[in-house]
Amino acid sequence: MIVFVRGSAFHEQNVTDYSNYFVRIAEQGYVVAALKYRHSDIAPFPAQMQDCKTAVRFMRKNAERFHCNKDRIALWGDSSGGHTVLMAGFTGNRAPDTDAYAEESAEVNAIVDWHGPTDFAKMNFYPSSQNHSDPQCPEGVVIGGGDVLEHPDLSAQASPMTYLSADMPTPSTLIMHGGRDQLVPFNQSCRLYATLKALGKDVTFYKLDNACHACYGFRSARALRLVFDWLSDRL
């Protein structure tokens, strides 16, 4: 089973325009749950990751109904969706959490992160087409409309890198990022990979050399085959 979270700069998602992905994933034999979370215009962090955990628990509770294995679950997301699946996957049943379907576990086996932000405070240190500290930028809006650099504690709480440690279990993680990404700095994925590797976690990193942000490569058969081959060893 795969819970998929599409990117939207944390704003309202148009889930149906990713039907191309969902069909191609389903063709591999996976049940796909497409998540539409509370977006940042109506609910700041941690609503998005909490909704992702609720989706995992809902699918686990209804596994028989949806004809899927509740013990083999992966999260997959791109851009802000990549951030959301990292946050939900890295924390599992730990805070920030929610009571919805609390009788079920939010733990997953694997995470597929396509070019998601990993450390809000470091995003402006590298070239980007956007100011990632401005209160009106996606990261600023999702933390409640504040300047990312002026709110270091909140920015850290909303960053996946914060929730990694050697003594905490971490799902197997696949990272993919375009070498020509003009929006989320490529370094965000480099830092995540280096940290996971140093902590002894199961992590794989693919750079799509000529891919930009969510295009020129991510819808290709090659990119999807890399994901499917990786998932087949972990689900």
Protein backbone atom coordinates (compact mmCIF):
# COMPACT_ATOMS: atom_id res chain seq x y z
CA MET A 1 0.00 0.00 0.00
CA ILE A 2 1.23 3.49 -0.84
CA VAL A 3 -0.05 6.73 0.69
CA PHE A 4 0.80 9.45 -1.84
CA VAL A 5 1.04 13.15 -0.93
CA ARG A 6 1.33 15.49 -3.90
CA GLY A 7 3.21 18.77 -3.74
CA SER A 8 1.38 22.08 -3.64
CA ALA A 9 3.71 24.50 -1.83
CA PHE A 10 1.61 23.54 1.23
CA HIS A 11 -1.44 25.21 -0.38
CA GLU A 12 -4.62 23.40 -1.44
CA GLN A 13 -3.86 20.31 -3.51
CA ASN A 14 -5.39 19.26 -6.80
CA VAL A 15 -5.11 15.53 -6.21
CA THR A 16 -6.74 14.41 -9.45
CA ASP A 17 -4.07 15.92 -11.70
CA TYR A 18 -1.69 13.26 -10.38
CA SER A 19 -3.90 10.47 -11.69
CA ASN A 20 -1.15 9.60 -14.16
CA TYR A 21 1.10 8.65 -11.25
CA PHE A 22 -1.62 6.79 -9.39
CA VAL A 23 -2.50 4.63 -12.39
CA ARG A 24 1.14 3.74 -13.05
CA ILE A 25 1.67 2.85 -9.38
CA ALA A 26 -1.49 0.75 -9.30
CA GLU A 27 -0.29 -1.10 -12.40
CA GLN A 28 2.56 -2.39 -10.22
CA GLY A 29 0.04 -4.02 -7.89
CA TYR A 30 -0.06 -1.39 -5.16
CA VAL A 31 -3.16 0.08 -3.57
CA VAL A 32 -2.79 3.89 -3.72
CA ALA A 33 -4.35 6.27 -1.21
CA ALA A 34 -4.12 9.87 -2.45
CA LEU A 35 -4.06 12.26 0.48
CA LYS A 36 -5.60 15.74 0.48
CA TYR A 37 -4.45 17.40 3.68
CA ARG A 38 -5.51 20.57 5.45
CA HIS A 39 -3.51 23.17 3.58
CA SER A 40 -1.51 26.00 5.10
CA ASP A 41 -4.10 28.66 4.22
CA ILE A 42 -6.51 27.14 6.74
CA ALA A 43 -4.21 25.22 9.12
CA PRO A 44 -0.50 25.71 9.84
CA PHE A 45 2.05 23.05 10.73
CA PRO A 46 1.70 20.34 12.04
CA ALA A 47 -1.74 19.80 10.42
CA GLN A 48 -0.30 18.42 7.19
CA MET A 49 1.82 15.71 8.78
CA GLN A 50 -0.96 14.86 11.23
CA ASP A 51 -3.35 14.34 8.33
CA CYS A 52 -0.78 12.08 6.70
CA LYS A 53 -0.58 9.97 9.86
CA THR A 54 -4.37 9.84 10.01
CA ALA A 55 -4.41 8.56 6.41
CA VAL A 56 -1.97 5.79 7.31
CA ARG A 57 -4.05 4.78 10.32
CA PHE A 58 -7.30 4.94 8.34
CA MET A 59 -5.89 2.70 5.62
CA ARG A 60 -4.49 0.30 8.20
CA LYS A 61 -7.86 0.13 9.97
CA ASN A 62 -9.62 -0.52 6.65
CA ALA A 63 -6.98 -2.73 5.05
CA GLU A 64 -9.36 -5.64 4.52
CA ARG A 65 -11.94 -3.36 2.93
CA PHE A 66 -9.35 -1.97 0.48
CA HIS A 67 -7.68 -5.37 -0.12
CA CYS A 68 -4.22 -4.31 1.03
CA ASN A 69 -1.61 -5.46 3.52
CA LYS A 70 -1.63 -3.23 6.60
CA ASP A 71 1.89 -4.34 7.51
CA ARG A 72 3.44 -3.16 4.22
CA ILE A 73 2.95 0.58 3.85
CA ALA A 74 5.05 3.22 2.11
CA LEU A 75 4.71 7.00 2.00
CA TRP A 76 5.51 8.80 -1.25
CA GLY A 77 5.45 12.54 -1.84
CA ASP A 78 6.97 15.28 -3.97
CA SER A 79 8.05 18.80 -2.98
CA SER A 80 5.87 19.89 -0.03
CA GLY A 81 4.40 16.39 -0.20
CA GLY A 82 7.93 15.03 0.17
CA HIS A 83 8.34 17.16 3.26
CA THR A 84 5.05 15.84 4.65
CA VAL A 85 5.89 12.18 4.15
CA LEU A 86 9.33 12.66 5.70
CA MET A 87 7.80 14.35 8.73
CA ALA A 88 5.12 11.69 9.17
CA GLY A 89 7.46 8.80 8.45
CA PHE A 90 10.30 9.97 10.68
CA THR A 91 8.02 10.57 13.68
CA GLY A 92 5.58 7.66 13.32
CA ASN A 93 3.64 7.37 16.57
CA ARG A 94 5.62 10.17 18.22
CA ALA A 95 4.73 13.85 18.47
CA PRO A 96 3.58 15.92 16.69
CA ASP A 97 0.75 13.39 16.51
CA THR A 98 -3.04 13.20 16.50
CA ASP A 99 -5.68 11.15 18.29
CA ALA A 100 -7.57 10.22 15.13
CA TYR A 101 -7.68 6.42 14.75
CA ALA A 102 -5.25 6.25 17.66
CA GLU A 103 -5.86 2.53 18.06
CA GLU A 104 -3.84 2.00 14.86
CA SER A 105 -0.13 2.62 14.28
CA ALA A 106 1.18 5.36 11.99
CA GLU A 107 4.51 3.58 11.50
CA VAL A 108 5.46 2.79 7.89
CA ASN A 109 8.03 0.58 6.19
CA ALA A 110 9.40 3.03 3.65
CA ILE A 111 9.43 6.65 2.48
CA VAL A 112 9.91 7.98 -1.06
CA ASP A 113 10.91 11.65 -0.98
CA TRP A 114 11.00 13.55 -4.25
CA HIS A 115 12.78 16.90 -3.80
CA GLY A 116 11.13 17.81 -0.49
CA PRO A 117 12.37 20.59 1.83
CA THR A 118 14.28 19.07 4.75
CA ASP A 119 15.62 22.03 6.77
CA PHE A 120 13.69 25.29 6.43
CA ALA A 121 16.35 27.49 8.01
CA LYS A 122 19.02 26.35 5.52
CA MET A 123 17.01 26.81 2.33
CA ASN A 124 18.05 30.42 1.74
CA PHE A 125 21.74 29.56 2.01
CA TYR A 126 21.71 28.11 -1.52
CA PRO A 127 20.53 29.40 -4.92
CA SER A 128 16.77 29.34 -5.47
CA SER A 129 14.17 31.18 -7.50
CA GLN A 130 12.34 32.04 -4.28
CA ASN A 131 13.06 33.72 -0.95
CA HIS A 132 12.49 30.88 1.49
CA SER A 133 12.47 32.98 4.66
CA ASP A 134 9.77 35.50 3.74
CA PRO A 135 6.54 35.17 5.78
CA GLN A 136 4.59 34.78 2.51
CA CYS A 137 6.80 32.01 1.10
CA PRO A 138 5.48 28.43 1.39
CA GLU A 139 7.67 27.69 4.40
CA GLY A 140 6.72 30.96 6.09
CA VAL A 141 3.00 30.39 5.54
CA VAL A 142 3.08 26.81 6.80
CA ILE A 143 4.68 27.89 10.10
CA GLY A 144 1.89 30.42 10.57
CA GLY A 145 2.99 33.40 8.49
CA GLY A 146 6.31 34.17 10.13
CA ASP A 147 9.81 34.83 8.86
CA VAL A 148 11.56 31.45 8.84
CA LEU A 149 14.90 32.82 10.07
CA GLU A 150 13.29 34.91 12.80
CA HIS A 151 11.49 31.85 14.22
CA PRO A 152 14.27 29.25 14.50
CA ASP A 153 12.50 27.04 17.03
CA LEU A 154 9.33 26.76 14.99
CA SER A 155 11.30 26.32 11.77
CA ALA A 156 13.22 23.48 13.39
CA GLN A 157 10.02 21.83 14.61
CA ALA A 158 8.71 21.89 11.03
CA SER A 159 11.89 20.42 9.51
CA PRO A 160 12.35 16.67 8.97
CA MET A 161 16.06 16.83 9.81
CA THR A 162 15.14 17.61 13.41
CA TYR A 163 13.58 14.19 13.96
CA LEU A 164 16.58 12.01 13.13
CA SER A 165 18.72 10.26 15.71
CA ALA A 166 20.75 7.08 15.95
CA ASP A 167 18.56 5.55 18.65
CA MET A 168 15.20 6.20 16.96
CA PRO A 169 14.00 3.80 14.24
CA THR A 170 13.72 5.35 10.79
CA PRO A 171 11.88 3.84 7.80
CA SER A 172 13.93 2.98 4.74
CA THR A 173 14.17 6.19 2.75
CA LEU A 174 14.57 6.84 -0.98
CA ILE A 175 15.54 10.40 -1.96
CA MET A 176 15.34 11.73 -5.53
CA HIS A 177 16.15 15.29 -6.56
CA GLY A 178 16.66 17.07 -9.86
CA GLY A 179 20.13 18.46 -10.49
CA ARG A 180 18.59 21.59 -12.02
CA ASP A 181 15.93 22.16 -9.36
CA GLN A 182 15.25 25.89 -9.38
CA LEU A 183 13.01 25.95 -6.32
CA VAL A 184 14.02 23.53 -3.54
CA PRO A 185 17.84 23.65 -3.33
CA PHE A 186 19.51 20.36 -4.25
CA ASN A 187 21.54 20.67 -1.05
CA GLN A 188 18.40 19.97 0.99
CA SER A 189 18.46 16.37 -0.20
CA CYS A 190 22.25 16.13 0.06
CA ARG A 191 22.14 17.08 3.73
CA LEU A 192 19.32 14.63 4.43
CA TYR A 193 21.18 11.80 2.72
CA ALA A 194 24.47 12.55 4.50
CA THR A 195 22.74 12.66 7.89
CA LEU A 196 20.81 9.43 7.37
CA LYS A 197 23.95 7.70 6.13
CA ALA A 198 26.00 8.90 9.12
CA LEU A 199 23.29 7.56 11.47
CA GLY A 200 23.46 4.14 9.85
CA LYS A 201 19.98 4.29 8.31
CA ASP A 202 18.81 2.53 5.15
CA VAL A 203 18.90 5.35 2.61
CA THR A 204 19.27 5.60 -1.17
CA PHE A 205 19.79 8.83 -3.12
CA TYR A 206 19.33 9.36 -6.86
CA LYS A 207 20.18 12.59 -8.63
CA LEU A 208 18.25 13.17 -11.87
CA ASP A 209 20.84 15.32 -13.60
CA ASN A 210 18.69 17.36 -15.98
CA ALA A 211 15.46 17.34 -14.00
CA CYS A 212 13.99 20.56 -12.68
CA HIS A 213 11.50 20.89 -9.84
CA ALA A 214 8.87 18.19 -10.41
CA CYS A 215 9.46 18.12 -14.15
CA TYR A 216 11.82 17.02 -16.94
CA GLY A 217 12.39 13.56 -15.61
CA PHE A 218 10.11 12.80 -12.70
CA ARG A 219 7.27 11.50 -14.86
CA SER A 220 9.63 9.34 -16.91
CA ALA A 221 9.51 5.56 -16.98
CA ARG A 222 13.12 5.54 -15.76
CA ALA A 223 12.38 7.54 -12.62
CA LEU A 224 9.37 5.42 -11.75
CA ARG A 225 11.30 2.21 -12.39
CA LEU A 226 13.95 3.32 -9.90
CA VAL A 227 11.23 3.78 -7.29
CA PHE A 228 9.43 0.52 -8.06
CA ASP A 229 12.66 -1.50 -7.96
CA TRP A 230 13.58 0.08 -4.63
CA LEU A 231 10.12 -0.50 -3.15
CA SER A 232 10.06 -4.14 -4.25
CA ASP A 233 12.89 -4.87 -1.79
CA ARG A 234 11.17 -3.11 1.10
CA LEU A 235 7.45 -3.87 0.86
